[in-house]
PDB file of N, CA and C in Angstrom:
ATOM      1  N   UNK A   1       1.060  -0.996   0.468  1.00  0.00           N
ATOM      2  CA  UNK A   1       0.154  -0.392  -0.014  1.00  0.00           C
ATOM      3  C   UNK A   1       0.959   0.983   0.494  1.00  0.00           C
ATOM      4  N   UNK A   2       1.897   0.448   0.540  1.00  0.00           N
ATOM      5  CA  UNK A   2       2.832   1.856   0.755  1.00  0.00           C
ATOM      6  C   UNK A   2       3.371   2.343  -0.976  1.00  0.00           C
ATOM      7  N   UNK A   3       3.522   1.878  -2.041  1.00  0.00           N
ATOM      8  CA  UNK A   3       3.518   1.655  -2.974  1.00  0.00           C
ATOM      9  C   UNK A   3       2.221   3.057  -3.938  1.00  0.00           C
ATOM     10  N   UNK A   4       1.318   2.090  -3.415  1.00  0.00           N
ATOM     11  CA  UNK A   4       0.511   3.287  -4.190  1.00  0.00           C
ATOM     12  C   UNK A   4       0.422   4.860  -3.853  1.00  0.00           C
ATOM     13  N   UNK A   5       0.856   5.273  -2.094  1.00  0.00           N
ATOM     14  CA  UNK A   5       0.878   6.441  -1.677  1.00  0.00           C
ATOM     15  C   UNK A   5       2.005   7.034  -2.671  1.00  0.00           C
ATOM     16  N   UNK A   6       3.415   6.661  -2.746  1.00  0.00           N
ATOM     17  CA  UNK A   6       4.569   7.114  -3.689  1.00  0.00           C
ATOM     18  C   UNK A   6       3.925   6.756  -4.968  1.00  0.00           C
ATOM     19  N   UNK A   7       3.640   6.177  -5.179  1.00  0.00           N
ATOM     20  CA  UNK A   7       3.185   6.262  -7.440  1.00  0.00           C
ATOM     21  C   UNK A   7       2.278   6.850  -7.008  1.00  0.00           C
ATOM     22  N   UNK A   8       1.093   8.111  -7.375  1.00  0.00           N
ATOM     23  CA  UNK A   8       0.287   8.477  -7.167  1.00  0.00           C
ATOM     24  C   UNK A   8      -0.534   7.960  -9.145  1.00  0.00           C
ATOM     25  N   UNK A   9       0.370   8.574  -9.866  1.00  0.00           N
ATOM     26  CA  UNK A   9      -0.090   8.169 -10.889  1.00  0.00           C
ATOM     27  C   UNK A   9       0.522   6.573 -11.681  1.00  0.00           C
ATOM     28  N   UNK A  10       0.819   5.907 -10.972  1.00  0.00           N
ATOM     29  CA  UNK A  10       1.068   4.452 -10.986  1.00  0.00           C
ATOM     30  C   UNK A  10       0.424   3.293 -11.893  1.00  0.00           C
ATOM     31  N   UNK A  11       1.020   2.907 -12.566  1.00  0.00           N
ATOM     32  CA  UNK A  11      -0.126   1.211 -13.237  1.00  0.00           C
ATOM     33  C   UNK A  11      -0.364  -0.013 -12.236  1.00  0.00           C
ATOM     34  N   UNK A  12      -1.463  -0.840 -12.816  1.00  0.00           N
ATOM     35  CA  UNK A  12      -1.145  -1.989 -12.338  1.00  0.00           C
ATOM     36  C   UNK A  12       0.161  -2.957 -12.716  1.00  0.00           C
ATOM     37  N   UNK A  13       0.336  -2.686 -14.202  1.00  0.00           N
ATOM     38  CA  UNK A  13       1.002  -3.191 -14.397  1.00  0.00           C
ATOM     39  C   UNK A  13       2.929  -2.649 -13.371  1.00  0.00           C
ATOM     40  N   UNK A  14       2.781  -1.422 -13.436  1.00  0.00           N
ATOM     41  CA  UNK A  14       3.758  -0.933 -12.789  1.00  0.00           C
ATOM     42  C   UNK A  14       3.856  -1.506 -11.294  1.00  0.00           C
ATOM     43  N   UNK A  15       2.530  -2.220 -10.605  1.00  0.00           N
ATOM     44  CA  UNK A  15       3.301  -2.291  -8.970  1.00  0.00           C
ATOM     45  C   UNK A  15       3.386  -3.313  -8.994  1.00  0.00           C
ATOM     46  N   UNK A  16       2.458  -4.833 -10.507  1.00  0.00           N
ATOM     47  CA  UNK A  16       2.810  -5.735 -10.640  1.00  0.00           C
ATOM     48  C   UNK A  16       4.535  -5.518 -10.719  1.00  0.00           C
ATOM     49  N   UNK A  17       5.232  -5.788 -11.792  1.00  0.00           N
ATOM     50  CA  UNK A  17       6.896  -5.556 -11.747  1.00  0.00           C
ATOM     51  C   UNK A  17       7.100  -5.683 -10.382  1.00  0.00           C
ATOM     52  N   UNK A  18       6.935  -4.212  -9.628  1.00  0.00           N
ATOM     53  CA  UNK A  18       7.182  -3.738  -8.517  1.00  0.00           C
ATOM     54  C   UNK A  18       7.263  -5.165  -7.382  1.00  0.00           C
ATOM     55  N   UNK A  19       5.875  -5.845  -7.595  1.00  0.00           N
ATOM     56  CA  UNK A  19       5.953  -6.442  -6.279  1.00  0.00           C
ATOM     57  C   UNK A  19       5.954  -8.235  -7.111  1.00  0.00           C
ATOM     58  N   UNK A  20       6.553  -8.177  -8.270  1.00  0.00           N
ATOM     59  CA  UNK A  20       7.134  -9.218  -9.103  1.00  0.00           C
ATOM     60  C   UNK A  20       8.951  -9.398  -8.682  1.00  0.00           C
ATOM     61  N   UNK A  21       9.589  -7.934  -8.585  1.00  0.00           N
ATOM     62  CA  UNK A  21      10.828  -8.279  -7.705  1.00  0.00           C
ATOM     63  C   UNK A  21      11.331  -8.237  -6.340  1.00  0.00           C
ATOM     64  N   UNK A  22      10.080  -8.083  -5.943  1.00  0.00           N
ATOM     65  CA  UNK A  22       9.453  -8.832  -4.616  1.00  0.00           C
ATOM     66  C   UNK A  22       9.975 -10.665  -3.930  1.00  0.00           C
ATOM     67  N   UNK A  23       9.631 -10.966  -5.382  1.00  0.00           N
ATOM     68  CA  UNK A  23       9.223 -12.376  -5.256  1.00  0.00           C
ATOM     69  C   UNK A  23       7.383 -12.428  -4.602  1.00  0.00           C
ATOM     70  N   UNK A  24       7.070 -11.465  -5.491  1.00  0.00           N
ATOM     71  CA  UNK A  24       5.015 -11.646  -5.631  1.00  0.00           C
ATOM     72  C   UNK A  24       5.094 -12.007  -7.015  1.00  0.00           C
ATOM     73  N   UNK A  25       4.301 -13.385  -7.359  1.00  0.00           N
ATOM     74  CA  UNK A  25       3.792 -13.263  -8.369  1.00  0.00           C
ATOM     75  C   UNK A  25       2.188 -13.302  -8.151  1.00  0.00           C
ATOM     76  N   UNK A  26       1.613 -12.619  -8.939  1.00  0.00           N
ATOM     77  CA  UNK A  26       0.117 -11.917  -8.801  1.00  0.00           C
ATOM     78  C   UNK A  26      -0.186 -11.740 -10.646  1.00  0.00           C
ATOM     79  N   UNK A  27      -1.459 -11.760 -11.025  1.00  0.00           N
ATOM     80  CA  UNK A  27      -2.042 -11.038 -12.625  1.00  0.00           C
ATOM     81  C   UNK A  27      -2.696 -10.026 -11.899  1.00  0.00           C
ATOM     82  N   UNK A  28      -2.113  -9.152 -13.200  1.00  0.00           N
ATOM     83  CA  UNK A  28      -2.745  -7.930 -13.277  1.00  0.00           C
ATOM     84  C   UNK A  28      -4.602  -7.816 -12.246  1.00  0.00           C
ATOM     85  N   UNK A  29      -5.445  -9.346 -13.355  1.00  0.00           N
ATOM     86  CA  UNK A  29      -6.879  -9.038 -12.588  1.00  0.00           C
ATOM     87  C   UNK A  29      -6.818  -9.499 -10.914  1.00  0.00           C
ATOM     88  N   UNK A  30      -6.305 -10.349 -10.384  1.00  0.00           N
ATOM     89  CA  UNK A  30      -6.213 -10.542  -8.826  1.00  0.00           C
ATOM     90  C   UNK A  30      -5.386  -9.171  -8.045  1.00  0.00           C
ATOM     91  N   UNK A  31      -4.752  -8.824  -8.954  1.00  0.00           N
ATOM     92  CA  UNK A  31      -4.275  -7.504  -8.042  1.00  0.00           C
ATOM     93  C   UNK A  31      -5.559  -6.535  -7.836  1.00  0.00           C
ATOM     94  N   UNK A  32      -6.096  -5.690  -9.583  1.00  0.00           N
ATOM     95  CA  UNK A  32      -7.174  -5.449  -8.998  1.00  0.00           C
ATOM     96  C   UNK A  32      -7.810  -5.873  -8.025  1.00  0.00           C
ATOM     97  N   UNK A  33      -8.675  -6.891  -8.472  1.00  0.00           N
ATOM     98  CA  UNK A  33      -9.625  -7.182  -6.945  1.00  0.00           C
ATOM     99  C   UNK A  33      -8.802  -7.209  -6.031  1.00  0.00           C
ATOM    100  N   UNK A  34      -7.915  -7.267  -5.427  1.00  0.00           N
ATOM    101  CA  UNK A  34      -7.321  -7.046  -4.342  1.00  0.00           C
ATOM    102  C   UNK A  34      -7.344  -5.748  -4.163  1.00  0.00           C
ATOM    103  N   UNK A  35      -7.376  -4.727  -4.847  1.00  0.00           N
ATOM    104  CA  UNK A  35      -6.879  -3.083  -4.685  1.00  0.00           C
ATOM    105  C   UNK A  35      -8.529  -2.776  -4.662  1.00  0.00           C
ATOM    106  N   UNK A  36      -9.746  -3.306  -5.118  1.00  0.00           N
ATOM    107  CA  UNK A  36     -11.171  -2.834  -5.257  1.00  0.00           C
ATOM    108  C   UNK A  36     -11.575  -2.952  -4.003  1.00  0.00           C
ATOM    109  N   UNK A  37     -11.033  -4.328  -3.514  1.00  0.00           N
ATOM    110  CA  UNK A  37     -11.532  -4.811  -2.006  1.00  0.00           C
ATOM    111  C   UNK A  37     -11.185  -3.753  -0.897  1.00  0.00           C
ATOM    112  N   UNK A  38     -10.151  -3.236  -1.304  1.00  0.00           N
ATOM    113  CA  UNK A  38      -9.185  -2.118  -0.034  1.00  0.00           C
ATOM    114  C   UNK A  38      -9.637  -0.745  -0.597  1.00  0.00           C
ATOM    115  N   UNK A  39     -10.679  -0.433  -1.287  1.00  0.00           N
ATOM    116  CA  UNK A  39     -10.565   0.466  -1.359  1.00  0.00           C
ATOM    117  C   UNK A  39      -9.553   1.699  -1.935  1.00  0.00           C
ATOM    118  N   UNK A  40      -8.687   0.982  -2.828  1.00  0.00           N
ATOM    119  CA  UNK A  40      -8.073   1.507  -2.995  1.00  0.00           C
ATOM    120  C   UNK A  40      -7.371   1.671  -5.167  1.00  0.00           C
ATOM    121  N   UNK A  41      -9.202   2.103  -5.109  1.00  0.00           N
ATOM    122  CA  UNK A  41      -8.644   2.718  -7.130  1.00  0.00           C
ATOM    123  C   UNK A  41      -8.897   3.573  -7.100  1.00  0.00           C
ATOM    124  N   UNK A  42      -8.516   4.256  -8.210  1.00  0.00           N
ATOM    125  CA  UNK A  42      -8.377   5.188  -8.940  1.00  0.00           C
ATOM    126  C   UNK A  42      -8.043   5.692 -10.084  1.00  0.00           C
ATOM    127  N   UNK A  43      -9.015   7.082 -10.474  1.00  0.00           N
ATOM    128  CA  UNK A  43      -8.564   7.360 -12.332  1.00  0.00           C
ATOM    129  C   UNK A  43      -7.287   7.833 -12.057  1.00  0.00           C
ATOM    130  N   UNK A  44      -6.613   7.910 -13.379  1.00  0.00           N
ATOM    131  CA  UNK A  44      -5.088   8.884 -13.186  1.00  0.00           C
ATOM    132  C   UNK A  44      -5.914  10.385 -13.844  1.00  0.00           C
ATOM    133  N   UNK A  45      -4.883  10.559 -13.323  1.00  0.00           N
ATOM    134  CA  UNK A  45      -5.792  12.352 -12.890  1.00  0.00           C
ATOM    135  C   UNK A  45      -5.270  12.730 -14.673  1.00  0.00           C
ATOM    136  N   UNK A  46      -5.732  13.013 -15.244  1.00  0.00           N
ATOM    137  CA  UNK A  46      -5.608  13.985 -16.504  1.00  0.00           C
ATOM    138  C   UNK A  46      -5.024  15.268 -16.411  1.00  0.00           C
ATOM    139  N   UNK A  47      -4.530  15.079 -17.376  1.00  0.00           N
ATOM    140  CA  UNK A  47      -2.906  16.596 -17.229  1.00  0.00           C
ATOM    141  C   UNK A  47      -3.787  18.232 -17.514  1.00  0.00           C
ATOM    142  N   UNK A  48      -3.228  18.934 -16.820  1.00  0.00           N
ATOM    143  CA  UNK A  48      -4.159  20.034 -16.678  1.00  0.00           C
ATOM    144  C   UNK A  48      -3.249  20.856 -17.589  1.00  0.00           C
ATOM    145  N   UNK A  49      -3.992  21.313 -18.821  1.00  0.00           N
ATOM    146  CA  UNK A  49      -2.767  22.781 -19.728  1.00  0.00           C
ATOM    147  C   UNK A  49      -2.710  24.315 -18.940  1.00  0.00           C
TER     148      UNK A  49
END
């Protein structure tokens, strides 16, 4: 969860790669379901002009 706070604009793929580097194997869909259950979903913020 700390990664999410530090990388506000991070993607599921980036989070999965970070977990993989720590020896945790998880699919993108399983990761998404975990985040939804814990209320950690959010849309990427659009760049402002």
